[in-house]
């Protein structure tokens, strides 16, 4: 069984990137992720300088094991130069990173497929694609245990695509049924390799699920952070959250897209969280820019998460403990 688990981990990593190095918990059983979202970088635009300063400040302070960009990295032409400027800030530090695209990345003269090829030229990029399903940046990143013998955590990265393609339905697209099926297949495979127990997992993508609005508006919600706008979620619900709940593995979902939100709220036992807007003044924003940080502890349920912004730590919580109301 041990050899089967290690082989599965290797196959998943190989599918991600030929350059990929194995992610694993450190000797203290910790693994730290920094989420940057909505950098909205425009090449040689002075308004974007603060976004690079933010990225460097956060990386210097947090020293993460992995960086995840959850979409809208760029917001102007030339697309490749804009994208490379953002990614260089992480690559030069030798930190593994993963990218998923938002609704604006492929509006700058290059397609998602072309941008993916740029991302995959970086030695520390773990960004990948899964052929045959909707979207471009769909892949799984296993995080190995500290002794390297098994998958201790799984990170699902989804392409939440862009705008609705259903006639008569406006707004944003939903994560497609074949993507949901792909997630379920991987979840079942990892569970089987884990002795029938779900592997603790996190999910990252750009556009929030409809459940974000349900959770944030519920009278019983325990919400940490800032909510200055309603979640710009798809009008149609393809059931990804229901599948996550049914599979029993995903503990937290992390998105971007809505620049004036950075909150975290638990909904039916799963944390629904935003990253902090990372960009400059190239688009609307009413929050100081920053990033979300997630710290996992090997074989411990849940995780710690906080916002780092302008040299400060804000909204530090422990999931799920911080979201449980005391019993009367």
C-alpha atoms as a PDB file:
ATOM      1  CA  UNK A   1       0.000   0.000   0.000  1.00  0.00           C
ATOM      2  CA  UNK A   2       2.844   2.419   0.861  1.00  0.00           C
ATOM      3  CA  UNK A   3       4.390   1.959  -2.588  1.00  0.00           C
ATOM      4  CA  UNK A   4       0.985   2.557  -4.220  1.00  0.00           C
ATOM      5  CA  UNK A   5       0.566   5.842  -2.316  1.00  0.00           C
ATOM      6  CA  UNK A   6       4.031   7.062  -3.252  1.00  0.00           C
ATOM      7  CA  UNK A   7       3.433   6.132  -6.894  1.00  0.00           C
ATOM      8  CA  UNK A   8       0.109   8.014  -6.886  1.00  0.00           C
ATOM      9  CA  UNK A   9       1.840  11.100  -5.466  1.00  0.00           C
ATOM     10  CA  UNK A  10       4.512  10.863  -8.141  1.00  0.00           C
ATOM     11  CA  UNK A  11       1.946  10.526 -10.919  1.00  0.00           C
ATOM     12  CA  UNK A  12       0.010  13.554  -9.690  1.00  0.00           C
ATOM     13  CA  UNK A  13       3.146  15.654  -9.492  1.00  0.00           C
ATOM     14  CA  UNK A  14       4.377  14.495 -12.882  1.00  0.00           C
ATOM     15  CA  UNK A  15       1.060  15.506 -14.408  1.00  0.00           C
ATOM     16  CA  UNK A  16       1.551  18.987 -12.991  1.00  0.00           C
ATOM     17  CA  UNK A  17       4.945  19.934 -14.333  1.00  0.00           C
ATOM     18  CA  UNK A  18       8.198  18.292 -15.343  1.00  0.00           C
ATOM     19  CA  UNK A  19      10.005  20.867 -13.186  1.00  0.00           C
ATOM     20  CA  UNK A  20       7.824  20.227 -10.151  1.00  0.00           C
ATOM     21  CA  UNK A  21       9.406  19.466  -6.831  1.00  0.00           C
ATOM     22  CA  UNK A  22       7.442  17.505  -4.258  1.00  0.00           C
ATOM     23  CA  UNK A  23       5.528  19.585  -1.729  1.00  0.00           C
ATOM     24  CA  UNK A  24       5.763  18.236   1.799  1.00  0.00           C
ATOM     25  CA  UNK A  25       5.236  19.131   5.425  1.00  0.00           C
ATOM     26  CA  UNK A  26       8.434  20.205   7.164  1.00  0.00           C
ATOM     27  CA  UNK A  27      10.079  18.404  10.056  1.00  0.00           C
ATOM     28  CA  UNK A  28       7.850  20.311  12.496  1.00  0.00           C
ATOM     29  CA  UNK A  29       4.747  19.112  10.644  1.00  0.00           C
ATOM     30  CA  UNK A  30       3.894  22.534   9.182  1.00  0.00           C
ATOM     31  CA  UNK A  31       3.084  23.680   5.655  1.00  0.00           C
ATOM     32  CA  UNK A  32       2.409  27.332   4.815  1.00  0.00           C
ATOM     33  CA  UNK A  33       0.571  28.717   1.781  1.00  0.00           C
ATOM     34  CA  UNK A  34       0.361  32.349   0.697  1.00  0.00           C
ATOM     35  CA  UNK A  35      -2.594  33.248  -1.523  1.00  0.00           C
ATOM     36  CA  UNK A  36      -2.179  36.270  -3.794  1.00  0.00           C
ATOM     37  CA  UNK A  37      -5.264  37.315  -5.707  1.00  0.00           C
ATOM     38  CA  UNK A  38      -6.257  40.003  -8.190  1.00  0.00           C
ATOM     39  CA  UNK A  39      -2.827  41.501  -8.744  1.00  0.00           C
ATOM     40  CA  UNK A  40      -4.263  43.206 -11.873  1.00  0.00           C
ATOM     41  CA  UNK A  41      -0.762  44.063 -13.011  1.00  0.00           C
ATOM     42  CA  UNK A  42      -0.175  46.326 -16.016  1.00  0.00           C
ATOM     43  CA  UNK A  43       3.335  46.373 -17.451  1.00  0.00           C
ATOM     44  CA  UNK A  44       5.168  49.658 -16.876  1.00  0.00           C
ATOM     45  CA  UNK A  45       2.124  51.261 -15.249  1.00  0.00           C
ATOM     46  CA  UNK A  46       3.163  53.173 -12.143  1.00  0.00           C
ATOM     47  CA  UNK A  47      -0.089  52.241 -10.403  1.00  0.00           C
ATOM     48  CA  UNK A  48       1.053  48.615 -10.351  1.00  0.00           C
ATOM     49  CA  UNK A  49       4.258  49.232  -8.413  1.00  0.00           C
ATOM     50  CA  UNK A  50       2.539  48.793  -5.044  1.00  0.00           C
ATOM     51  CA  UNK A  51       1.388  45.294  -6.016  1.00  0.00           C
ATOM     52  CA  UNK A  52       4.990  44.128  -6.457  1.00  0.00           C
ATOM     53  CA  UNK A  53       5.962  45.817  -3.205  1.00  0.00           C
ATOM     54  CA  UNK A  54       3.128  43.965  -1.481  1.00  0.00           C
ATOM     55  CA  UNK A  55       4.165  40.595  -2.920  1.00  0.00           C
ATOM     56  CA  UNK A  56       7.761  41.084  -1.819  1.00  0.00           C
ATOM     57  CA  UNK A  57       6.787  42.270   1.657  1.00  0.00           C
ATOM     58  CA  UNK A  58       4.517  39.294   2.255  1.00  0.00           C
ATOM     59  CA  UNK A  59       7.033  36.752   0.970  1.00  0.00           C
ATOM     60  CA  UNK A  60       9.795  38.267   3.094  1.00  0.00           C
ATOM     61  CA  UNK A  61       7.639  38.143   6.215  1.00  0.00           C
ATOM     62  CA  UNK A  62       5.956  34.757   5.762  1.00  0.00           C
ATOM     63  CA  UNK A  63       8.529  32.551   3.943  1.00  0.00           C
ATOM     64  CA  UNK A  64       5.816  30.240   2.545  1.00  0.00           C
ATOM     65  CA  UNK A  65       6.228  26.712   1.230  1.00  0.00           C
ATOM     66  CA  UNK A  66       3.847  27.477  -1.649  1.00  0.00           C
ATOM     67  CA  UNK A  67       2.305  30.509  -3.341  1.00  0.00           C
ATOM     68  CA  UNK A  68      -1.101  30.232  -5.035  1.00  0.00           C
ATOM     69  CA  UNK A  69      -2.290  32.947  -7.420  1.00  0.00           C
ATOM     70  CA  UNK A  70      -6.090  32.823  -7.626  1.00  0.00           C
ATOM     71  CA  UNK A  71      -6.672  34.702 -10.857  1.00  0.00           C
ATOM     72  CA  UNK A  72      -6.633  38.116 -12.494  1.00  0.00           C
ATOM     73  CA  UNK A  73      -2.876  38.376 -12.315  1.00  0.00           C
ATOM     74  CA  UNK A  74      -2.791  40.827 -15.235  1.00  0.00           C
ATOM     75  CA  UNK A  75      -4.966  43.651 -16.480  1.00  0.00           C
ATOM     76  CA  UNK A  76      -3.191  45.121 -19.482  1.00  0.00           C
ATOM     77  CA  UNK A  77      -1.022  44.553 -22.519  1.00  0.00           C
ATOM     78  CA  UNK A  78       1.535  43.278 -23.265  1.00  0.00           C
ATOM     79  CA  UNK A  79       0.214  40.183 -21.536  1.00  0.00           C
ATOM     80  CA  UNK A  80       3.408  38.147 -21.371  1.00  0.00           C
ATOM     81  CA  UNK A  81       5.525  40.962 -19.981  1.00  0.00           C
ATOM     82  CA  UNK A  82       2.880  41.746 -17.366  1.00  0.00           C
ATOM     83  CA  UNK A  83       2.599  38.105 -16.346  1.00  0.00           C
ATOM     84  CA  UNK A  84       6.335  37.515 -16.184  1.00  0.00           C
ATOM     85  CA  UNK A  85       6.862  40.561 -13.987  1.00  0.00           C
ATOM     86  CA  UNK A  86       4.445  39.162 -11.405  1.00  0.00           C
ATOM     87  CA  UNK A  87       5.785  35.609 -11.510  1.00  0.00           C
ATOM     88  CA  UNK A  88       9.421  36.731 -11.400  1.00  0.00           C
ATOM     89  CA  UNK A  89       8.869  38.103  -7.900  1.00  0.00           C
ATOM     90  CA  UNK A  90       8.148  34.562  -6.656  1.00  0.00           C
ATOM     91  CA  UNK A  91      10.482  32.619  -8.937  1.00  0.00           C
ATOM     92  CA  UNK A  92      13.527  34.670  -7.919  1.00  0.00           C
ATOM     93  CA  UNK A  93      12.999  33.527  -4.322  1.00  0.00           C
ATOM     94  CA  UNK A  94      12.865  29.871  -5.328  1.00  0.00           C
ATOM     95  CA  UNK A  95       9.354  29.348  -3.947  1.00  0.00           C
ATOM     96  CA  UNK A  96       7.059  26.804  -5.643  1.00  0.00           C
ATOM     97  CA  UNK A  97       3.945  28.456  -7.023  1.00  0.00           C
ATOM     98  CA  UNK A  98       0.647  27.557  -8.632  1.00  0.00           C
ATOM     99  CA  UNK A  99      -1.571  29.675 -10.870  1.00  0.00           C
ATOM    100  CA  UNK A 100      -5.212  29.600 -11.821  1.00  0.00           C
ATOM    101  CA  UNK A 101      -6.703  32.208 -14.122  1.00  0.00           C
ATOM    102  CA  UNK A 102      -9.487  34.723 -13.554  1.00  0.00           C
ATOM    103  CA  UNK A 103     -11.941  36.386 -15.904  1.00  0.00           C
ATOM    104  CA  UNK A 104      -9.539  39.170 -16.968  1.00  0.00           C
ATOM    105  CA  UNK A 105      -6.266  37.320 -17.621  1.00  0.00           C
ATOM    106  CA  UNK A 106      -7.147  36.229 -21.160  1.00  0.00           C
ATOM    107  CA  UNK A 107      -8.523  39.640 -22.162  1.00  0.00           C
ATOM    108  CA  UNK A 108      -5.052  41.082 -22.709  1.00  0.00           C
ATOM    109  CA  UNK A 109      -4.266  39.637 -26.129  1.00  0.00           C
ATOM    110  CA  UNK A 110      -3.288  36.079 -25.186  1.00  0.00           C
ATOM    111  CA  UNK A 111      -5.478  33.054 -24.553  1.00  0.00           C
ATOM    112  CA  UNK A 112      -5.477  30.996 -21.386  1.00  0.00           C
ATOM    113  CA  UNK A 113      -3.554  28.282 -23.231  1.00  0.00           C
ATOM    114  CA  UNK A 114      -0.881  30.755 -24.317  1.00  0.00           C
ATOM    115  CA  UNK A 115      -0.574  32.191 -20.818  1.00  0.00           C
ATOM    116  CA  UNK A 116      -0.274  28.684 -19.386  1.00  0.00           C
ATOM    117  CA  UNK A 117       2.707  28.012 -21.634  1.00  0.00           C
ATOM    118  CA  UNK A 118       4.383  31.127 -20.235  1.00  0.00           C
ATOM    119  CA  UNK A 119       3.704  30.036 -16.659  1.00  0.00           C
ATOM    120  CA  UNK A 120       5.067  26.559 -17.295  1.00  0.00           C
ATOM    121  CA  UNK A 121       8.461  27.872 -18.411  1.00  0.00           C
ATOM    122  CA  UNK A 122       9.284  28.685 -14.781  1.00  0.00           C
ATOM    123  CA  UNK A 123      11.271  26.005 -12.910  1.00  0.00           C
ATOM    124  CA  UNK A 124       9.276  26.521  -9.694  1.00  0.00           C
ATOM    125  CA  UNK A 125       5.841  26.540 -11.320  1.00  0.00           C
ATOM    126  CA  UNK A 126       3.552  23.644 -10.388  1.00  0.00           C
ATOM    127  CA  UNK A 127       0.793  24.963 -12.657  1.00  0.00           C
ATOM    128  CA  UNK A 128      -0.771  22.354 -14.904  1.00  0.00           C
ATOM    129  CA  UNK A 129      -3.779  21.482 -17.013  1.00  0.00           C
ATOM    130  CA  UNK A 130      -6.111  18.500 -17.289  1.00  0.00           C
ATOM    131  CA  UNK A 131      -7.047  17.624 -20.839  1.00  0.00           C
ATOM    132  CA  UNK A 132     -10.628  16.814 -21.760  1.00  0.00           C
ATOM    133  CA  UNK A 133     -12.483  18.959 -19.231  1.00  0.00           C
ATOM    134  CA  UNK A 134     -13.703  22.556 -19.220  1.00  0.00           C
ATOM    135  CA  UNK A 135     -11.215  25.285 -18.400  1.00  0.00           C
ATOM    136  CA  UNK A 136      -7.440  25.299 -18.546  1.00  0.00           C
ATOM    137  CA  UNK A 137      -5.986  25.468 -15.026  1.00  0.00           C
ATOM    138  CA  UNK A 138      -7.510  22.395 -13.357  1.00  0.00           C
ATOM    139  CA  UNK A 139      -5.069  20.208 -11.418  1.00  0.00           C
ATOM    140  CA  UNK A 140      -4.318  18.607  -8.048  1.00  0.00           C
ATOM    141  CA  UNK A 141      -1.238  19.219  -5.919  1.00  0.00           C
ATOM    142  CA  UNK A 142      -0.482  16.565  -3.289  1.00  0.00           C
ATOM    143  CA  UNK A 143       1.356  17.658  -0.152  1.00  0.00           C
ATOM    144  CA  UNK A 144       3.356  14.769   1.237  1.00  0.00           C
ATOM    145  CA  UNK A 145       3.751  13.926   4.896  1.00  0.00           C
ATOM    146  CA  UNK A 146       6.957  15.035   6.577  1.00  0.00           C
ATOM    147  CA  UNK A 147       8.457  11.573   6.081  1.00  0.00           C
ATOM    148  CA  UNK A 148       7.384  11.536   2.416  1.00  0.00           C
ATOM    149  CA  UNK A 149       5.471   8.265   2.727  1.00  0.00           C
ATOM    150  CA  UNK A 150       1.937   9.447   1.881  1.00  0.00           C
ATOM    151  CA  UNK A 151      -0.285  12.272   0.722  1.00  0.00           C
ATOM    152  CA  UNK A 152      -1.164  14.203   3.873  1.00  0.00           C
ATOM    153  CA  UNK A 153      -3.088  17.026   2.139  1.00  0.00           C
ATOM    154  CA  UNK A 154      -4.489  17.615  -1.355  1.00  0.00           C
ATOM    155  CA  UNK A 155      -4.804  21.017  -2.996  1.00  0.00           C
ATOM    156  CA  UNK A 156      -7.426  21.228  -5.753  1.00  0.00           C
ATOM    157  CA  UNK A 157      -6.975  24.075  -8.218  1.00  0.00           C
ATOM    158  CA  UNK A 158      -9.950  24.863 -10.472  1.00  0.00           C
ATOM    159  CA  UNK A 159     -10.410  27.142 -13.459  1.00  0.00           C
ATOM    160  CA  UNK A 160     -13.622  29.018 -12.637  1.00  0.00           C
ATOM    161  CA  UNK A 161     -13.607  30.358 -16.214  1.00  0.00           C
ATOM    162  CA  UNK A 162     -15.152  33.742 -17.041  1.00  0.00           C
ATOM    163  CA  UNK A 163     -18.642  34.735 -18.178  1.00  0.00           C
ATOM    164  CA  UNK A 164     -21.931  32.875 -18.520  1.00  0.00           C
ATOM    165  CA  UNK A 165     -22.373  30.938 -21.751  1.00  0.00           C
ATOM    166  CA  UNK A 166     -25.994  30.023 -21.101  1.00  0.00           C
ATOM    167  CA  UNK A 167     -28.453  32.010 -23.247  1.00  0.00           C
ATOM    168  CA  UNK A 168     -30.574  34.315 -21.123  1.00  0.00           C
ATOM    169  CA  UNK A 169     -28.316  33.987 -18.068  1.00  0.00           C
ATOM    170  CA  UNK A 170     -25.953  36.874 -17.460  1.00  0.00           C
ATOM    171  CA  UNK A 171     -23.049  37.333 -15.093  1.00  0.00           C
ATOM    172  CA  UNK A 172     -20.273  34.867 -14.458  1.00  0.00           C
ATOM    173  CA  UNK A 173     -19.714  31.283 -15.507  1.00  0.00           C
ATOM    174  CA  UNK A 174     -19.989  28.329 -13.136  1.00  0.00           C
ATOM    175  CA  UNK A 175     -17.534  25.509 -12.613  1.00  0.00           C
ATOM    176  CA  UNK A 176     -18.742  22.960 -15.153  1.00  0.00           C
ATOM    177  CA  UNK A 177     -20.168  19.526 -14.482  1.00  0.00           C
ATOM    178  CA  UNK A 178     -17.151  17.789 -16.013  1.00  0.00           C
ATOM    179  CA  UNK A 179     -14.893  19.715 -13.636  1.00  0.00           C
ATOM    180  CA  UNK A 180     -17.028  18.604 -10.707  1.00  0.00           C
ATOM    181  CA  UNK A 181     -16.791  15.026 -11.992  1.00  0.00           C
ATOM    182  CA  UNK A 182     -13.028  15.353 -12.308  1.00  0.00           C
ATOM    183  CA  UNK A 183     -12.811  16.508  -8.692  1.00  0.00           C
ATOM    184  CA  UNK A 184     -14.957  13.609  -7.482  1.00  0.00           C
ATOM    185  CA  UNK A 185     -12.831  11.077  -9.363  1.00  0.00           C
ATOM    186  CA  UNK A 186      -9.617  12.429  -7.850  1.00  0.00           C
ATOM    187  CA  UNK A 187     -11.176  12.592  -4.409  1.00  0.00           C
ATOM    188  CA  UNK A 188     -12.262   8.969  -4.606  1.00  0.00           C
ATOM    189  CA  UNK A 189      -8.832   7.886  -5.855  1.00  0.00           C
ATOM    190  CA  UNK A 190      -7.040   9.651  -3.032  1.00  0.00           C
ATOM    191  CA  UNK A 191      -9.504   8.330  -0.458  1.00  0.00           C
ATOM    192  CA  UNK A 192      -8.957   4.772  -1.664  1.00  0.00           C
ATOM    193  CA  UNK A 193      -5.172   5.203  -1.397  1.00  0.00           C
ATOM    194  CA  UNK A 194      -5.691   6.591   2.114  1.00  0.00           C
ATOM    195  CA  UNK A 195      -7.305   3.475   3.488  1.00  0.00           C
ATOM    196  CA  UNK A 196     -10.835   4.652   2.737  1.00  0.00           C
ATOM    197  CA  UNK A 197     -10.461   7.881   4.709  1.00  0.00           C
ATOM    198  CA  UNK A 198     -10.809  11.216   2.870  1.00  0.00           C
ATOM    199  CA  UNK A 199      -7.548  13.112   2.475  1.00  0.00           C
ATOM    200  CA  UNK A 200      -7.833  16.600   4.051  1.00  0.00           C
ATOM    201  CA  UNK A 201      -8.006  19.071   1.184  1.00  0.00           C
ATOM    202  CA  UNK A 202      -8.265  22.712   0.186  1.00  0.00           C
ATOM    203  CA  UNK A 203      -9.632  24.249  -3.028  1.00  0.00           C
ATOM    204  CA  UNK A 204      -8.482  27.372  -4.867  1.00  0.00           C
ATOM    205  CA  UNK A 205     -10.140  29.274  -7.730  1.00  0.00           C
ATOM    206  CA  UNK A 206     -11.110  32.795  -8.753  1.00  0.00           C
ATOM    207  CA  UNK A 207     -14.887  33.345  -8.844  1.00  0.00           C
ATOM    208  CA  UNK A 208     -16.748  32.595  -5.583  1.00  0.00           C
ATOM    209  CA  UNK A 209     -19.460  29.963  -5.335  1.00  0.00           C
ATOM    210  CA  UNK A 210     -23.112  30.973  -4.805  1.00  0.00           C
ATOM    211  CA  UNK A 211     -22.790  29.533  -1.299  1.00  0.00           C
ATOM    212  CA  UNK A 212     -20.638  32.515  -0.319  1.00  0.00           C
ATOM    213  CA  UNK A 213     -23.738  34.720  -0.360  1.00  0.00           C
ATOM    214  CA  UNK A 214     -25.807  32.135   1.464  1.00  0.00           C
ATOM    215  CA  UNK A 215     -23.203  31.779   4.198  1.00  0.00           C
ATOM    216  CA  UNK A 216     -22.456  35.482   4.656  1.00  0.00           C
ATOM    217  CA  UNK A 217     -26.126  36.459   4.892  1.00  0.00           C
ATOM    218  CA  UNK A 218     -27.176  33.699   7.276  1.00  0.00           C
ATOM    219  CA  UNK A 219     -28.282  34.943  10.694  1.00  0.00           C
ATOM    220  CA  UNK A 220     -26.231  32.245  12.387  1.00  0.00           C
ATOM    221  CA  UNK A 221     -23.048  32.988  10.433  1.00  0.00           C
ATOM    222  CA  UNK A 222     -19.767  33.457  12.297  1.00  0.00           C
ATOM    223  CA  UNK A 223     -17.851  35.716   9.923  1.00  0.00           C
ATOM    224  CA  UNK A 224     -14.353  37.134  10.316  1.00  0.00           C
ATOM    225  CA  UNK A 225     -13.124  39.906   8.055  1.00  0.00           C
ATOM    226  CA  UNK A 226     -14.532  42.534   5.742  1.00  0.00           C
ATOM    227  CA  UNK A 227     -17.572  42.240   3.481  1.00  0.00           C
ATOM    228  CA  UNK A 228     -18.151  45.462   1.566  1.00  0.00           C
ATOM    229  CA  UNK A 229     -19.819  43.905  -1.464  1.00  0.00           C
ATOM    230  CA  UNK A 230     -22.047  40.984  -2.323  1.00  0.00           C
ATOM    231  CA  UNK A 231     -20.201  38.017  -3.790  1.00  0.00           C
ATOM    232  CA  UNK A 232     -20.234  38.258  -7.605  1.00  0.00           C
ATOM    233  CA  UNK A 233     -21.002  34.563  -7.933  1.00  0.00           C
ATOM    234  CA  UNK A 234     -22.552  32.688 -10.868  1.00  0.00           C
ATOM    235  CA  UNK A 235     -26.329  32.860 -11.128  1.00  0.00           C
ATOM    236  CA  UNK A 236     -26.423  29.102 -11.699  1.00  0.00           C
ATOM    237  CA  UNK A 237     -25.123  26.508  -9.240  1.00  0.00           C
ATOM    238  CA  UNK A 238     -23.429  23.416 -10.653  1.00  0.00           C
ATOM    239  CA  UNK A 239     -23.134  21.651  -7.297  1.00  0.00           C
ATOM    240  CA  UNK A 240     -19.419  21.823  -6.539  1.00  0.00           C
ATOM    241  CA  UNK A 241     -19.999  22.723  -2.889  1.00  0.00           C
ATOM    242  CA  UNK A 242     -22.480  19.867  -2.490  1.00  0.00           C
ATOM    243  CA  UNK A 243     -19.922  17.473  -3.953  1.00  0.00           C
ATOM    244  CA  UNK A 244     -17.232  18.725  -1.591  1.00  0.00           C
ATOM    245  CA  UNK A 245     -19.551  18.181   1.339  1.00  0.00           C
ATOM    246  CA  UNK A 246     -20.478  14.727   0.111  1.00  0.00           C
ATOM    247  CA  UNK A 247     -16.877  13.650  -0.493  1.00  0.00           C
ATOM    248  CA  UNK A 248     -15.890  14.868   2.962  1.00  0.00           C
ATOM    249  CA  UNK A 249     -12.370  16.009   2.118  1.00  0.00           C
ATOM    250  CA  UNK A 250     -12.346  19.752   1.339  1.00  0.00           C
ATOM    251  CA  UNK A 251     -12.067  21.811   4.523  1.00  0.00           C
ATOM    252  CA  UNK A 252     -11.578  25.242   2.971  1.00  0.00           C
ATOM    253  CA  UNK A 253     -12.262  27.096  -0.286  1.00  0.00           C
ATOM    254  CA  UNK A 254     -10.205  30.178  -1.204  1.00  0.00           C
ATOM    255  CA  UNK A 255     -11.177  32.622  -3.949  1.00  0.00           C
ATOM    256  CA  UNK A 256     -10.665  36.217  -5.102  1.00  0.00           C
ATOM    257  CA  UNK A 257     -12.602  38.295  -7.671  1.00  0.00           C
ATOM    258  CA  UNK A 258     -14.402  40.637  -5.255  1.00  0.00           C
ATOM    259  CA  UNK A 259     -11.828  43.244  -4.282  1.00  0.00           C
ATOM    260  CA  UNK A 260     -13.704  44.658  -1.313  1.00  0.00           C
ATOM    261  CA  UNK A 261     -14.158  41.334   0.466  1.00  0.00           C
ATOM    262  CA  UNK A 262     -11.585  39.422   2.499  1.00  0.00           C
ATOM    263  CA  UNK A 263     -13.805  37.528   4.928  1.00  0.00           C
ATOM    264  CA  UNK A 264     -13.918  33.921   6.024  1.00  0.00           C
ATOM    265  CA  UNK A 265     -17.162  32.204   7.020  1.00  0.00           C
ATOM    266  CA  UNK A 266     -18.015  28.578   7.754  1.00  0.00           C
ATOM    267  CA  UNK A 267     -20.889  27.007   5.849  1.00  0.00           C
ATOM    268  CA  UNK A 268     -21.964  23.461   6.669  1.00  0.00           C
ATOM    269  CA  UNK A 269     -18.543  22.679   8.086  1.00  0.00           C
ATOM    270  CA  UNK A 270     -16.476  24.071   5.193  1.00  0.00           C
ATOM    271  CA  UNK A 271     -14.662  27.402   5.375  1.00  0.00           C
ATOM    272  CA  UNK A 272     -15.479  29.793   2.538  1.00  0.00           C
ATOM    273  CA  UNK A 273     -12.773  32.450   2.404  1.00  0.00           C
ATOM    274  CA  UNK A 274     -11.496  35.285   0.262  1.00  0.00           C
ATOM    275  CA  UNK A 275      -7.907  36.290  -0.216  1.00  0.00           C
ATOM    276  CA  UNK A 276      -7.003  39.938   0.343  1.00  0.00           C
ATOM    277  CA  UNK A 277      -6.784  41.998  -2.840  1.00  0.00           C
ATOM    278  CA  UNK A 278      -3.095  42.170  -3.828  1.00  0.00           C
ATOM    279  CA  UNK A 279      -3.105  44.714  -6.662  1.00  0.00           C
ATOM    280  CA  UNK A 280      -2.667  48.450  -7.003  1.00  0.00           C
ATOM    281  CA  UNK A 281      -5.003  51.175  -8.227  1.00  0.00           C
ATOM    282  CA  UNK A 282      -5.461  49.783 -11.735  1.00  0.00           C
ATOM    283  CA  UNK A 283      -9.019  48.727 -10.779  1.00  0.00           C
ATOM    284  CA  UNK A 284     -11.472  49.454  -7.962  1.00  0.00           C
ATOM    285  CA  UNK A 285     -10.319  48.674  -4.446  1.00  0.00           C
ATOM    286  CA  UNK A 286     -11.151  50.041  -1.031  1.00  0.00           C
ATOM    287  CA  UNK A 287      -8.935  47.840   1.128  1.00  0.00           C
ATOM    288  CA  UNK A 288      -5.190  48.073   1.780  1.00  0.00           C
ATOM    289  CA  UNK A 289      -3.616  45.420  -0.405  1.00  0.00           C
ATOM    290  CA  UNK A 290      -2.197  42.235   1.046  1.00  0.00           C
ATOM    291  CA  UNK A 291      -2.516  38.455   1.004  1.00  0.00           C
ATOM    292  CA  UNK A 292      -4.113  35.552   2.824  1.00  0.00           C
ATOM    293  CA  UNK A 293      -1.886  33.072   4.620  1.00  0.00           C
ATOM    294  CA  UNK A 294      -2.875  29.478   5.440  1.00  0.00           C
ATOM    295  CA  UNK A 295      -0.859  27.282   7.777  1.00  0.00           C
ATOM    296  CA  UNK A 296      -1.539  23.545   7.860  1.00  0.00           C
ATOM    297  CA  UNK A 297      -0.447  21.164  10.603  1.00  0.00           C
ATOM    298  CA  UNK A 298       0.193  17.580   9.600  1.00  0.00           C
ATOM    299  CA  UNK A 299      -2.519  15.142  10.717  1.00  0.00           C
ATOM    300  CA  UNK A 300      -4.442  17.857  12.545  1.00  0.00           C
ATOM    301  CA  UNK A 301      -7.957  18.757  11.452  1.00  0.00           C
ATOM    302  CA  UNK A 302      -8.347  22.297  10.182  1.00  0.00           C
ATOM    303  CA  UNK A 303      -5.762  25.044   9.808  1.00  0.00           C
ATOM    304  CA  UNK A 304      -4.784  28.555  10.866  1.00  0.00           C
ATOM    305  CA  UNK A 305      -5.343  31.453   8.497  1.00  0.00           C
ATOM    306  CA  UNK A 306      -4.806  35.190   8.579  1.00  0.00           C
ATOM    307  CA  UNK A 307      -4.435  38.281   6.422  1.00  0.00           C
ATOM    308  CA  UNK A 308      -1.082  40.015   6.072  1.00  0.00           C
ATOM    309  CA  UNK A 309      -1.303  43.612   4.929  1.00  0.00           C
ATOM    310  CA  UNK A 310       1.191  46.456   5.103  1.00  0.00           C
ATOM    311  CA  UNK A 311       3.342  44.829   7.741  1.00  0.00           C
ATOM    312  CA  UNK A 312       0.461  43.734   9.975  1.00  0.00           C
ATOM    313  CA  UNK A 313      -1.293  40.468  10.712  1.00  0.00           C
ATOM    314  CA  UNK A 314      -5.086  40.748  10.764  1.00  0.00           C
ATOM    315  CA  UNK A 315      -8.035  38.423  11.320  1.00  0.00           C
ATOM    316  CA  UNK A 316      -6.063  35.434  12.554  1.00  0.00           C
ATOM    317  CA  UNK A 317      -8.388  32.480  13.110  1.00  0.00           C
ATOM    318  CA  UNK A 318      -8.213  28.768  13.723  1.00  0.00           C
ATOM    319  CA  UNK A 319     -10.543  26.656  11.623  1.00  0.00           C
ATOM    320  CA  UNK A 320     -12.879  25.219  12.745  1.00  0.00           C
ATOM    321  CA  UNK A 321     -12.524  26.266  16.405  1.00  0.00           C
ATOM    322  CA  UNK A 322     -12.942  30.032  15.847  1.00  0.00           C
ATOM    323  CA  UNK A 323     -16.205  29.442  13.968  1.00  0.00           C
ATOM    324  CA  UNK A 324     -17.927  27.212  16.522  1.00  0.00           C
ATOM    325  CA  UNK A 325     -20.459  28.895  18.752  1.00  0.00           C
ATOM    326  CA  UNK A 326     -20.378  27.919  22.432  1.00  0.00           C
ATOM    327  CA  UNK A 327     -23.036  25.451  23.451  1.00  0.00           C
ATOM    328  CA  UNK A 328     -25.788  26.888  25.618  1.00  0.00           C
END
